[in-house]
Amino acid sequence: MSEVTMYCTRFCPYCISAERLLKAKGVSINKIPVDHDMNMWRKMAELTGRNTVPQIFIADHHVGGYDDLAALERAGELDPLLAPVLSASKA
C-alpha cells in the first residue's frame, strides 16, 4: 500500500507545517519520531542523505523536507504525487 512517511521531531516547526499541509490534503502520515532515537536518526540520514527534519517520503519517492514539499505544492505537483496514496486509502 502507498503511504506517506515522515521522519520528524515533536517540536520542529517545519515538521508541524508539513503535517498540517499533508493533513489538509486528506493524507494520513506514518510519523517516525527521531527526537530521542539516534539509531533512527542515523537510519533517516542514510536513507535520505540529509541530516535535518522533516524528511518526507510519498510511497517510495523521497520528497525531502518541508521546503521541498511546499515547492511541490506551489508548482501543482504535490496532488499528482499524492493521488495513489489517497486512492489506496479509499480502497
Protein backbone atom coordinates (compact mmCIF):
# COMPACT_ATOMS: atom_id res chain seq x y z
CA MET A 1 0.00 0.00 0.00
CA SER A 2 1.21 3.51 -0.78
CA GLU A 3 1.67 5.78 2.17
CA VAL A 4 3.30 8.95 3.38
CA THR A 5 6.13 8.57 5.86
CA MET A 6 7.69 11.48 7.69
CA TYR A 7 10.77 11.36 9.88
CA CYS A 8 10.21 14.15 12.39
CA THR A 9 10.68 15.59 15.84
CA ARG A 10 7.87 16.68 18.14
CA PHE A 11 8.55 20.41 18.27
CA CYS A 12 10.08 21.15 14.87
CA PRO A 13 8.07 23.96 13.23
CA TYR A 14 8.85 22.59 9.76
CA CYS A 15 7.57 19.15 10.79
CA ILE A 16 4.39 20.72 12.11
CA SER A 17 3.93 22.72 8.88
CA ALA A 18 4.50 19.63 6.73
CA GLU A 19 1.99 17.65 8.78
CA ARG A 20 -0.55 20.46 8.51
CA LEU A 21 -0.18 20.65 4.72
CA LEU A 22 -0.45 16.89 4.25
CA LYS A 23 -3.44 16.57 6.56
CA ALA A 24 -5.18 19.40 4.66
CA LYS A 25 -4.78 17.18 1.59
CA GLY A 26 -6.53 14.35 3.45
CA VAL A 27 -3.43 12.21 3.83
CA SER A 28 -2.64 10.11 6.86
CA ILE A 29 1.02 10.18 7.84
CA ASN A 30 3.21 7.45 9.25
CA LYS A 31 5.29 9.65 11.56
CA ILE A 32 8.64 8.29 12.69
CA PRO A 33 9.94 10.36 15.61
CA VAL A 34 13.70 10.67 15.75
CA ASP A 35 13.97 13.08 18.73
CA HIS A 36 15.40 10.61 21.22
CA ASP A 37 16.47 7.79 18.96
CA MET A 38 19.92 8.32 17.44
CA ASN A 39 19.76 4.97 15.63
CA MET A 40 16.58 6.06 13.85
CA TRP A 41 18.14 9.47 13.13
CA ARG A 42 21.14 7.69 11.54
CA LYS A 43 18.81 5.48 9.51
CA MET A 44 16.97 8.58 8.26
CA ALA A 45 20.27 10.23 7.30
CA GLU A 46 21.42 7.08 5.48
CA LEU A 47 18.12 6.80 3.57
CA THR A 48 17.94 10.44 2.58
CA GLY A 49 21.48 11.78 2.58
CA ARG A 50 20.17 14.57 4.79
CA ASN A 51 20.50 15.25 8.49
CA THR A 52 17.53 17.55 9.01
CA VAL A 53 13.85 17.03 9.76
CA PRO A 54 11.34 16.56 8.42
CA GLN A 55 12.24 14.03 5.77
CA ILE A 56 9.17 13.04 3.81
CA PHE A 57 8.51 10.04 1.61
CA ILE A 58 5.44 9.64 -0.57
CA ALA A 59 5.35 5.91 -1.23
CA ASP A 60 8.95 5.20 -2.25
CA HIS A 61 9.62 8.73 -3.52
CA HIS A 62 11.82 10.85 -1.24
CA VAL A 63 10.30 14.33 -1.36
CA GLY A 64 12.79 15.96 1.02
CA GLY A 65 11.90 18.45 3.71
CA TYR A 66 9.10 20.93 4.22
CA ASP A 67 10.55 23.47 1.77
CA ASP A 68 10.61 20.77 -0.90
CA LEU A 69 7.04 19.73 -0.08
CA ALA A 70 5.81 23.35 -0.21
CA ALA A 71 7.61 23.89 -3.55
CA LEU A 72 5.80 20.85 -4.99
CA GLU A 73 2.50 22.30 -3.76
CA ARG A 74 3.21 25.73 -5.33
CA ALA A 75 4.18 24.07 -8.63
CA GLY A 76 0.98 21.99 -8.67
CA GLU A 77 3.00 18.77 -8.47
CA LEU A 78 2.02 17.58 -4.99
CA ASP A 79 -1.52 16.40 -5.78
CA PRO A 80 -0.38 14.03 -8.57
CA LEU A 81 2.20 12.51 -6.19
CA LEU A 82 -0.46 12.04 -3.53
CA ALA A 83 -3.14 10.64 -5.85
CA PRO A 84 -2.06 6.98 -5.48
CA VAL A 85 -1.87 7.38 -1.70
CA LEU A 86 -5.34 8.88 -1.50
CA SER A 87 -6.87 6.29 -3.82
CA ALA A 88 -5.24 3.44 -1.83
CA SER A 89 -6.69 4.80 1.39
CA LYS A 90 -10.19 4.80 -0.13
CA ALA A 91 -9.91 1.23 -1.40
